[in-house]
């Protein structure tokens, strides 16, 4: 059964068509095709939990319309990563207030 997930990083949102049988690594490879950022330099999170590359989306309980947070590696030698930073988009009503 096909589904969609949203991959968010800062002010960016990627909408991906995926299958529950795809691995987290395969999702990172789809993101790589869009951003040119290598899959090894990405981490995906669901509800704050870092997802294992070898697991399928079904195994890590990713459901249709799930939001996955994306963080990039900052420094290869130090092994440091960005903090999860997802900006919310105001609705029209919130912007008017």
PDB file of N, CA and C in Angstrom:
ATOM      1  N   UNK A   1       0.843  -1.184   0.000  1.00  0.00           N
ATOM      2  CA  UNK A   1       0.000   0.000   0.000  1.00  0.00           C
ATOM      3  C   UNK A   1       0.888   1.247   0.000  1.00  0.00           C
ATOM      4  N   UNK A   2       0.801   2.025  -1.020  1.00  0.00           N
ATOM      5  CA  UNK A   2       1.581   3.258  -1.127  1.00  0.00           C
ATOM      6  C   UNK A   2       1.122   4.276  -0.099  1.00  0.00           C
ATOM      7  N   UNK A   3       2.051   5.151   0.277  1.00  0.00           N
ATOM      8  CA  UNK A   3       1.714   6.222   1.210  1.00  0.00           C
ATOM      9  C   UNK A   3       2.645   7.395   0.956  1.00  0.00           C
ATOM     10  N   UNK A   4       2.369   8.482   1.639  1.00  0.00           N
ATOM     11  CA  UNK A   4       3.196   9.680   1.548  1.00  0.00           C
ATOM     12  C   UNK A   4       3.768   9.994   2.918  1.00  0.00           C
ATOM     13  N   UNK A   5       4.995  10.500   2.930  1.00  0.00           N
ATOM     14  CA  UNK A   5       5.588  11.026   4.154  1.00  0.00           C
ATOM     15  C   UNK A   5       6.107  12.424   3.853  1.00  0.00           C
ATOM     16  N   UNK A   6       6.183  13.224   4.897  1.00  0.00           N
ATOM     17  CA  UNK A   6       6.763  14.559   4.785  1.00  0.00           C
ATOM     18  C   UNK A   6       8.101  14.543   5.508  1.00  0.00           C
ATOM     19  N   UNK A   7       9.143  14.950   4.819  1.00  0.00           N
ATOM     20  CA  UNK A   7      10.472  15.052   5.412  1.00  0.00           C
ATOM     21  C   UNK A   7      10.743  16.537   5.592  1.00  0.00           C
ATOM     22  N   UNK A   8      10.955  16.946   6.858  1.00  0.00           N
ATOM     23  CA  UNK A   8      11.112  18.374   7.164  1.00  0.00           C
ATOM     24  C   UNK A   8      12.491  18.667   7.734  1.00  0.00           C
ATOM     25  N   UNK A   9      13.031  19.795   7.296  1.00  0.00           N
ATOM     26  CA  UNK A   9      14.282  20.335   7.833  1.00  0.00           C
ATOM     27  C   UNK A   9      14.196  21.848   7.724  1.00  0.00           C
ATOM     28  N   UNK A  10      14.324  22.512   8.849  1.00  0.00           N
ATOM     29  CA  UNK A  10      14.216  23.961   8.907  1.00  0.00           C
ATOM     30  C   UNK A  10      12.950  24.407   8.188  1.00  0.00           C
ATOM     31  N   UNK A  11      13.074  25.204   7.128  1.00  0.00           N
ATOM     32  CA  UNK A  11      11.886  25.693   6.421  1.00  0.00           C
ATOM     33  C   UNK A  11      11.564  24.864   5.179  1.00  0.00           C
ATOM     34  N   UNK A  12      12.250  23.740   5.011  1.00  0.00           N
ATOM     35  CA  UNK A  12      12.029  22.887   3.844  1.00  0.00           C
ATOM     36  C   UNK A  12      11.086  21.740   4.190  1.00  0.00           C
ATOM     37  N   UNK A  13      10.269  21.355   3.215  1.00  0.00           N
ATOM     38  CA  UNK A  13       9.424  20.168   3.340  1.00  0.00           C
ATOM     39  C   UNK A  13       9.502  19.408   2.020  1.00  0.00           C
ATOM     40  N   UNK A  14       9.824  18.125   2.107  1.00  0.00           N
ATOM     41  CA  UNK A  14       9.822  17.247   0.941  1.00  0.00           C
ATOM     42  C   UNK A  14       8.676  16.259   1.108  1.00  0.00           C
ATOM     43  N   UNK A  15       7.829  16.155   0.105  1.00  0.00           N
ATOM     44  CA  UNK A  15       6.736  15.185   0.104  1.00  0.00           C
ATOM     45  C   UNK A  15       7.196  13.992  -0.726  1.00  0.00           C
ATOM     46  N   UNK A  16       7.253  12.823  -0.095  1.00  0.00           N
ATOM     47  CA  UNK A  16       7.757  11.637  -0.778  1.00  0.00           C
ATOM     48  C   UNK A  16       6.688  10.555  -0.859  1.00  0.00           C
ATOM     49  N   UNK A  17       6.580   9.948  -2.024  1.00  0.00           N
ATOM     50  CA  UNK A  17       5.714   8.789  -2.232  1.00  0.00           C
ATOM     51  C   UNK A  17       6.554   7.564  -1.878  1.00  0.00           C
ATOM     52  N   UNK A  18       6.112   6.773  -0.902  1.00  0.00           N
ATOM     53  CA  UNK A  18       6.915   5.657  -0.400  1.00  0.00           C
ATOM     54  C   UNK A  18       6.050   4.413  -0.221  1.00  0.00           C
ATOM     55  N   UNK A  19       6.732   3.306   0.013  1.00  0.00           N
ATOM     56  CA  UNK A  19       6.088   2.035   0.334  1.00  0.00           C
ATOM     57  C   UNK A  19       6.516   1.633   1.745  1.00  0.00           C
ATOM     58  N   UNK A  20       5.635   1.018   2.519  1.00  0.00           N
ATOM     59  CA  UNK A  20       6.017   0.567   3.864  1.00  0.00           C
ATOM     60  C   UNK A  20       7.196  -0.403   3.854  1.00  0.00           C
ATOM     61  N   UNK A  21       7.419  -1.085   2.739  1.00  0.00           N
ATOM     62  CA  UNK A  21       8.517  -2.053   2.634  1.00  0.00           C
ATOM     63  C   UNK A  21       9.869  -1.399   2.343  1.00  0.00           C
ATOM     64  N   UNK A  22       9.884  -0.096   2.036  1.00  0.00           N
ATOM     65  CA  UNK A  22      11.150   0.597   1.786  1.00  0.00           C
ATOM     66  C   UNK A  22      11.898   0.798   3.098  1.00  0.00           C
ATOM     67  N   UNK A  23      13.226   0.767   3.006  1.00  0.00           N
ATOM     68  CA  UNK A  23      14.041   0.992   4.197  1.00  0.00           C
ATOM     69  C   UNK A  23      14.260   2.485   4.425  1.00  0.00           C
ATOM     70  N   UNK A  24      14.684   2.796   5.629  1.00  0.00           N
ATOM     71  CA  UNK A  24      15.022   4.180   5.960  1.00  0.00           C
ATOM     72  C   UNK A  24      16.133   4.661   5.028  1.00  0.00           C
ATOM     73  N   UNK A  25      17.096   3.800   4.735  1.00  0.00           N
ATOM     74  CA  UNK A  25      18.179   4.173   3.818  1.00  0.00           C
ATOM     75  C   UNK A  25      17.628   4.534   2.439  1.00  0.00           C
ATOM     76  N   UNK A  26      16.644   3.807   1.959  1.00  0.00           N
ATOM     77  CA  UNK A  26      16.054   4.122   0.656  1.00  0.00           C
ATOM     78  C   UNK A  26      15.368   5.491   0.674  1.00  0.00           C
ATOM     79  N   UNK A  27      14.785   5.850   1.800  1.00  0.00           N
ATOM     80  CA  UNK A  27      14.166   7.175   1.922  1.00  0.00           C
ATOM     81  C   UNK A  27      15.261   8.242   1.892  1.00  0.00           C
ATOM     82  N   UNK A  28      16.362   7.996   2.594  1.00  0.00           N
ATOM     83  CA  UNK A  28      17.490   8.934   2.566  1.00  0.00           C
ATOM     84  C   UNK A  28      18.032   9.094   1.147  1.00  0.00           C
ATOM     85  N   UNK A  29      18.039   8.021   0.381  1.00  0.00           N
ATOM     86  CA  UNK A  29      18.511   8.098  -1.002  1.00  0.00           C
ATOM     87  C   UNK A  29      17.570   8.945  -1.855  1.00  0.00           C
ATOM     88  N   UNK A  30      16.278   8.885  -1.574  1.00  0.00           N
ATOM     89  CA  UNK A  30      15.327   9.758  -2.275  1.00  0.00           C
ATOM     90  C   UNK A  30      15.593  11.220  -1.924  1.00  0.00           C
ATOM     91  N   UNK A  31      15.875  11.478  -0.647  1.00  0.00           N
ATOM     92  CA  UNK A  31      16.202  12.841  -0.218  1.00  0.00           C
ATOM     93  C   UNK A  31      17.502  13.285  -0.885  1.00  0.00           C
ATOM     94  N   UNK A  32      18.470  12.385  -0.977  1.00  0.00           N
ATOM     95  CA  UNK A  32      19.739  12.706  -1.639  1.00  0.00           C
ATOM     96  C   UNK A  32      19.511  13.138  -3.082  1.00  0.00           C
ATOM     97  N   UNK A  33      18.601  12.487  -3.777  1.00  0.00           N
ATOM     98  CA  UNK A  33      18.310  12.848  -5.168  1.00  0.00           C
ATOM     99  C   UNK A  33      17.749  14.264  -5.274  1.00  0.00           C
ATOM    100  N   UNK A  34      17.079  14.722  -4.223  1.00  0.00           N
ATOM    101  CA  UNK A  34      16.497  16.066  -4.223  1.00  0.00           C
ATOM    102  C   UNK A  34      17.464  17.139  -3.731  1.00  0.00           C
ATOM    103  N   UNK A  35      18.362  16.765  -2.815  1.00  0.00           N
ATOM    104  CA  UNK A  35      19.205  17.758  -2.147  1.00  0.00           C
ATOM    105  C   UNK A  35      20.685  17.656  -2.489  1.00  0.00           C
ATOM    106  N   UNK A  36      21.093  16.545  -3.092  1.00  0.00           N
ATOM    107  CA  UNK A  36      22.498  16.253  -3.368  1.00  0.00           C
ATOM    108  C   UNK A  36      23.319  16.091  -2.088  1.00  0.00           C
ATOM    109  N   UNK A  37      22.657  15.902  -0.960  1.00  0.00           N
ATOM    110  CA  UNK A  37      23.328  15.642   0.318  1.00  0.00           C
ATOM    111  C   UNK A  37      23.405  14.119   0.477  1.00  0.00           C
ATOM    112  N   UNK A  38      24.622  13.539   0.595  1.00  0.00           N
ATOM    113  CA  UNK A  38      24.747  12.084   0.674  1.00  0.00           C
ATOM    114  C   UNK A  38      23.910  11.475   1.801  1.00  0.00           C
ATOM    115  N   UNK A  39      23.383  10.284   1.544  1.00  0.00           N
ATOM    116  CA  UNK A  39      22.556   9.595   2.538  1.00  0.00           C
ATOM    117  C   UNK A  39      23.315   9.388   3.849  1.00  0.00           C
ATOM    118  N   UNK A  40      24.629   9.167   3.772  1.00  0.00           N
ATOM    119  CA  UNK A  40      25.436   8.978   4.984  1.00  0.00           C
ATOM    120  C   UNK A  40      25.519  10.242   5.829  1.00  0.00           C
ATOM    121  N   UNK A  41      25.233  11.385   5.230  1.00  0.00           N
ATOM    122  CA  UNK A  41      25.282  12.664   5.940  1.00  0.00           C
ATOM    123  C   UNK A  41      23.896  13.116   6.392  1.00  0.00           C
ATOM    124  N   UNK A  42      22.943  12.189   6.427  1.00  0.00           N
ATOM    125  CA  UNK A  42      21.575  12.496   6.839  1.00  0.00           C
ATOM    126  C   UNK A  42      21.166  11.596   8.002  1.00  0.00           C
ATOM    127  N   UNK A  43      20.330  12.147   8.846  1.00  0.00           N
ATOM    128  CA  UNK A  43      19.632  11.356   9.858  1.00  0.00           C
ATOM    129  C   UNK A  43      18.157  11.686   9.751  1.00  0.00           C
ATOM    130  N   UNK A  44      17.326  10.646   9.861  1.00  0.00           N
ATOM    131  CA  UNK A  44      15.878  10.831   9.870  1.00  0.00           C
ATOM    132  C   UNK A  44      15.340  10.444  11.237  1.00  0.00           C
ATOM    133  N   UNK A  45      14.398  11.243  11.720  1.00  0.00           N
ATOM    134  CA  UNK A  45      13.825  11.038  13.045  1.00  0.00           C
ATOM    135  C   UNK A  45      12.310  10.974  12.953  1.00  0.00           C
ATOM    136  N   UNK A  46      11.723  10.112  13.766  1.00  0.00           N
ATOM    137  CA  UNK A  46      10.279  10.050  13.930  1.00  0.00           C
ATOM    138  C   UNK A  46      10.001  10.237  15.407  1.00  0.00           C
ATOM    139  N   UNK A  47       9.282  11.281  15.748  1.00  0.00           N
ATOM    140  CA  UNK A  47       8.980  11.596  17.151  1.00  0.00           C
ATOM    141  C   UNK A  47      10.246  11.637  18.002  1.00  0.00           C
ATOM    142  N   UNK A  48      11.325  12.218  17.451  1.00  0.00           N
ATOM    143  CA  UNK A  48      12.571  12.383  18.183  1.00  0.00           C
ATOM    144  C   UNK A  48      13.478  11.166  18.197  1.00  0.00           C
ATOM    145  N   UNK A  49      13.036  10.050  17.628  1.00  0.00           N
ATOM    146  CA  UNK A  49      13.822   8.817  17.605  1.00  0.00           C
ATOM    147  C   UNK A  49      14.570   8.695  16.280  1.00  0.00           C
ATOM    148  N   UNK A  50      15.902   8.523  16.365  1.00  0.00           N
ATOM    149  CA  UNK A  50      16.737   8.360  15.174  1.00  0.00           C
ATOM    150  C   UNK A  50      16.416   7.011  14.531  1.00  0.00           C
ATOM    151  N   UNK A  51      16.044   7.015  13.252  1.00  0.00           N
ATOM    152  CA  UNK A  51      15.623   5.795  12.576  1.00  0.00           C
ATOM    153  C   UNK A  51      16.817   5.032  12.008  1.00  0.00           C
ATOM    154  N   UNK A  52      16.803   3.721  12.196  1.00  0.00           N
ATOM    155  CA  UNK A  52      17.855   2.809  11.746  1.00  0.00           C
ATOM    156  C   UNK A  52      17.746   2.598  10.233  1.00  0.00           C
ATOM    157  N   UNK A  53      18.851   2.814   9.522  1.00  0.00           N
ATOM    158  CA  UNK A  53      18.872   2.700   8.058  1.00  0.00           C
ATOM    159  C   UNK A  53      18.376   1.350   7.544  1.00  0.00           C
ATOM    160  N   UNK A  54      18.641   0.276   8.267  1.00  0.00           N
ATOM    161  CA  UNK A  54      18.317  -1.070   7.795  1.00  0.00           C
ATOM    162  C   UNK A  54      16.847  -1.445   7.991  1.00  0.00           C
ATOM    163  N   UNK A  55      16.138  -0.699   8.803  1.00  0.00           N
ATOM    164  CA  UNK A  55      14.735  -1.015   9.107  1.00  0.00           C
ATOM    165  C   UNK A  55      13.817  -0.501   8.008  1.00  0.00           C
ATOM    166  N   UNK A  56      12.705  -1.206   7.812  1.00  0.00           N
ATOM    167  CA  UNK A  56      11.698  -0.723   6.870  1.00  0.00           C
ATOM    168  C   UNK A  56      10.818   0.313   7.561  1.00  0.00           C
ATOM    169  N   UNK A  57      10.105   1.073   6.759  1.00  0.00           N
ATOM    170  CA  UNK A  57       9.186   2.060   7.330  1.00  0.00           C
ATOM    171  C   UNK A  57       8.129   1.374   8.185  1.00  0.00           C
ATOM    172  N   UNK A  58       7.673   0.207   7.763  1.00  0.00           N
ATOM    173  CA  UNK A  58       6.692  -0.541   8.555  1.00  0.00           C
ATOM    174  C   UNK A  58       7.277  -0.936   9.909  1.00  0.00           C
ATOM    175  N   UNK A  59       8.529  -1.358   9.929  1.00  0.00           N
ATOM    176  CA  UNK A  59       9.170  -1.794  11.177  1.00  0.00           C
ATOM    177  C   UNK A  59       9.328  -0.655  12.175  1.00  0.00           C
ATOM    178  N   UNK A  60       9.550   0.555  11.684  1.00  0.00           N
ATOM    179  CA  UNK A  60       9.723   1.698  12.594  1.00  0.00           C
ATOM    180  C   UNK A  60       8.422   2.477  12.783  1.00  0.00           C
ATOM    181  N   UNK A  61       7.313   1.889  12.309  1.00  0.00           N
ATOM    182  CA  UNK A  61       5.962   2.422  12.541  1.00  0.00           C
ATOM    183  C   UNK A  61       5.704   3.769  11.865  1.00  0.00           C
ATOM    184  N   UNK A  62       6.306   3.965  10.689  1.00  0.00           N
ATOM    185  CA  UNK A  62       6.011   5.164   9.902  1.00  0.00           C
ATOM    186  C   UNK A  62       4.706   4.904   9.156  1.00  0.00           C
ATOM    187  N   UNK A  63       3.746   5.793   9.345  1.00  0.00           N
ATOM    188  CA  UNK A  63       2.439   5.641   8.725  1.00  0.00           C
ATOM    189  C   UNK A  63       2.216   6.721   7.674  1.00  0.00           C
ATOM    190  N   UNK A  64       1.134   6.583   6.923  1.00  0.00           N
ATOM    191  CA  UNK A  64       0.789   7.564   5.904  1.00  0.00           C
ATOM    192  C   UNK A  64       0.725   8.965   6.508  1.00  0.00           C
ATOM    193  N   UNK A  65       1.288   9.927   5.815  1.00  0.00           N
ATOM    194  CA  UNK A  65       1.315  11.340   6.191  1.00  0.00           C
ATOM    195  C   UNK A  65       2.173  11.618   7.431  1.00  0.00           C
ATOM    196  N   UNK A  66       3.080  10.700   7.749  1.00  0.00           N
ATOM    197  CA  UNK A  66       3.991  10.916   8.875  1.00  0.00           C
ATOM    198  C   UNK A  66       4.946  12.059   8.556  1.00  0.00           C
ATOM    199  N   UNK A  67       5.414  12.718   9.610  1.00  0.00           N
ATOM    200  CA  UNK A  67       6.414  13.775   9.477  1.00  0.00           C
ATOM    201  C   UNK A  67       7.737  13.235  10.008  1.00  0.00           C
ATOM    202  N   UNK A  68       8.732  13.185   9.137  1.00  0.00           N
ATOM    203  CA  UNK A  68      10.072  12.761   9.518  1.00  0.00           C
ATOM    204  C   UNK A  68      10.964  13.990   9.570  1.00  0.00           C
ATOM    205  N   UNK A  69      11.690  14.134  10.658  1.00  0.00           N
ATOM    206  CA  UNK A  69      12.626  15.247  10.785  1.00  0.00           C
ATOM    207  C   UNK A  69      13.955  14.838  10.157  1.00  0.00           C
ATOM    208  N   UNK A  70      14.582  15.768   9.469  1.00  0.00           N
ATOM    209  CA  UNK A  70      15.852  15.538   8.782  1.00  0.00           C
ATOM    210  C   UNK A  70      16.928  16.415   9.405  1.00  0.00           C
ATOM    211  N   UNK A  71      18.074  15.792   9.696  1.00  0.00           N
ATOM    212  CA  UNK A  71      19.232  16.544  10.186  1.00  0.00           C
ATOM    213  C   UNK A  71      20.446  16.132   9.360  1.00  0.00           C
ATOM    214  N   UNK A  72      21.342  17.098   9.124  1.00  0.00           N
ATOM    215  CA  UNK A  72      22.552  16.849   8.345  1.00  0.00           C
ATOM    216  C   UNK A  72      23.772  16.786   9.257  1.00  0.00           C
ATOM    217  N   UNK A  73      24.769  16.027   8.799  1.00  0.00           N
ATOM    218  CA  UNK A  73      26.052  15.977   9.494  1.00  0.00           C
ATOM    219  C   UNK A  73      26.740  17.320   9.303  1.00  0.00           C
ATOM    220  N   UNK A  74      27.286  17.870  10.390  1.00  0.00           N
ATOM    221  CA  UNK A  74      27.968  19.163  10.335  1.00  0.00           C
ATOM    222  C   UNK A  74      29.465  18.979  10.105  1.00  0.00           C
ATOM    223  N   UNK A  75      30.075  18.077  10.884  1.00  0.00           N
ATOM    224  CA  UNK A  75      31.528  17.911  10.850  1.00  0.00           C
ATOM    225  C   UNK A  75      31.860  16.426  10.835  1.00  0.00           C
ATOM    226  N   UNK A  76      32.458  15.973   9.747  1.00  0.00           N
ATOM    227  CA  UNK A  76      32.809  14.556   9.580  1.00  0.00           C
ATOM    228  C   UNK A  76      33.759  14.085  10.673  1.00  0.00           C
ATOM    229  N   UNK A  77      34.839  14.838  10.905  1.00  0.00           N
ATOM    230  CA  UNK A  77      35.855  14.413  11.868  1.00  0.00           C
ATOM    231  C   UNK A  77      35.318  14.385  13.289  1.00  0.00           C
ATOM    232  N   UNK A  78      34.569  15.396  13.666  1.00  0.00           N
ATOM    233  CA  UNK A  78      34.034  15.466  15.028  1.00  0.00           C
ATOM    234  C   UNK A  78      32.777  14.610  15.185  1.00  0.00           C
ATOM    235  N   UNK A  79      32.176  14.231  14.053  1.00  0.00           N
ATOM    236  CA  UNK A  79      30.956  13.429  14.111  1.00  0.00           C
ATOM    237  C   UNK A  79      29.767  14.191  14.667  1.00  0.00           C
ATOM    238  N   UNK A  80      29.724  15.495  14.416  1.00  0.00           N
ATOM    239  CA  UNK A  80      28.629  16.308  14.947  1.00  0.00           C
ATOM    240  C   UNK A  80      27.512  16.454  13.923  1.00  0.00           C
ATOM    241  N   UNK A  81      26.305  16.590  14.447  1.00  0.00           N
ATOM    242  CA  UNK A  81      25.094  16.682  13.630  1.00  0.00           C
ATOM    243  C   UNK A  81      24.300  17.913  14.007  1.00  0.00           C
ATOM    244  N   UNK A  82      23.513  18.396  13.059  1.00  0.00           N
ATOM    245  CA  UNK A  82      22.585  19.495  13.326  1.00  0.00           C
ATOM    246  C   UNK A  82      21.575  19.066  14.387  1.00  0.00           C
ATOM    247  N   UNK A  83      21.076  20.054  15.099  1.00  0.00           N
ATOM    248  CA  UNK A  83      19.920  19.819  15.959  1.00  0.00           C
ATOM    249  C   UNK A  83      18.696  19.722  15.058  1.00  0.00           C
ATOM    250  N   UNK A  84      17.702  18.989  15.497  1.00  0.00           N
ATOM    251  CA  UNK A  84      16.445  18.956  14.748  1.00  0.00           C
ATOM    252  C   UNK A  84      15.848  20.350  14.809  1.00  0.00           C
ATOM    253  N   UNK A  85      15.545  20.904  13.640  1.00  0.00           N
ATOM    254  CA  UNK A  85      15.050  22.277  13.560  1.00  0.00           C
ATOM    255  C   UNK A  85      13.955  22.332  12.503  1.00  0.00           C
ATOM    256  N   UNK A  86      12.723  22.236  12.967  1.00  0.00           N
ATOM    257  CA  UNK A  86      11.585  22.259  12.053  1.00  0.00           C
ATOM    258  C   UNK A  86      10.772  23.507  12.335  1.00  0.00           C
ATOM    259  N   UNK A  87      10.631  24.344  11.326  1.00  0.00           N
ATOM    260  CA  UNK A  87       9.829  25.557  11.451  1.00  0.00           C
ATOM    261  C   UNK A  87       8.394  25.235  11.068  1.00  0.00           C
ATOM    262  N   UNK A  88       7.472  25.715  11.865  1.00  0.00           N
ATOM    263  CA  UNK A  88       6.071  25.534  11.509  1.00  0.00           C
ATOM    264  C   UNK A  88       5.645  26.679  10.609  1.00  0.00           C
ATOM    265  N   UNK A  89       4.702  26.389   9.770  1.00  0.00           N
ATOM    266  CA  UNK A  89       4.172  27.398   8.861  1.00  0.00           C
ATOM    267  C   UNK A  89       2.863  27.901   9.440  1.00  0.00           C
ATOM    268  N   UNK A  90       2.762  29.201   9.591  1.00  0.00           N
ATOM    269  CA  UNK A  90       1.539  29.784  10.134  1.00  0.00           C
ATOM    270  C   UNK A  90       0.387  29.600   9.163  1.00  0.00           C
ATOM    271  N   UNK A  91      -0.786  29.357   9.737  1.00  0.00           N
ATOM    272  CA  UNK A  91      -1.978  29.342   8.902  1.00  0.00           C
ATOM    273  C   UNK A  91      -2.361  30.781   8.605  1.00  0.00           C
ATOM    274  N   UNK A  92      -3.249  30.983   7.672  1.00  0.00           N
ATOM    275  CA  UNK A  92      -3.698  32.330   7.322  1.00  0.00           C
ATOM    276  C   UNK A  92      -4.293  33.016   8.542  1.00  0.00           C
ATOM    277  N   UNK A  93      -5.095  32.283   9.325  1.00  0.00           N
ATOM    278  CA  UNK A  93      -5.709  32.867  10.517  1.00  0.00           C
ATOM    279  C   UNK A  93      -4.659  33.288  11.542  1.00  0.00           C
ATOM    280  N   UNK A  94      -3.606  32.461  11.725  1.00  0.00           N
ATOM    281  CA  UNK A  94      -2.554  32.812  12.674  1.00  0.00           C
ATOM    282  C   UNK A  94      -1.782  34.035  12.198  1.00  0.00           C
ATOM    283  N   UNK A  95      -1.561  34.146  10.909  1.00  0.00           N
ATOM    284  CA  UNK A  95      -0.826  35.284  10.360  1.00  0.00           C
ATOM    285  C   UNK A  95      -1.603  36.584  10.535  1.00  0.00           C
ATOM    286  N   UNK A  96      -2.938  36.505  10.488  1.00  0.00           N
ATOM    287  CA  UNK A  96      -3.773  37.697  10.636  1.00  0.00           C
ATOM    288  C   UNK A  96      -3.848  38.172  12.080  1.00  0.00           C
ATOM    289  N   UNK A  97      -3.634  37.274  13.028  1.00  0.00           N
ATOM    290  CA  UNK A  97      -3.788  37.622  14.456  1.00  0.00           C
ATOM    291  C   UNK A  97      -2.712  38.556  14.937  1.00  0.00           C
TER     292      UNK A  97
END
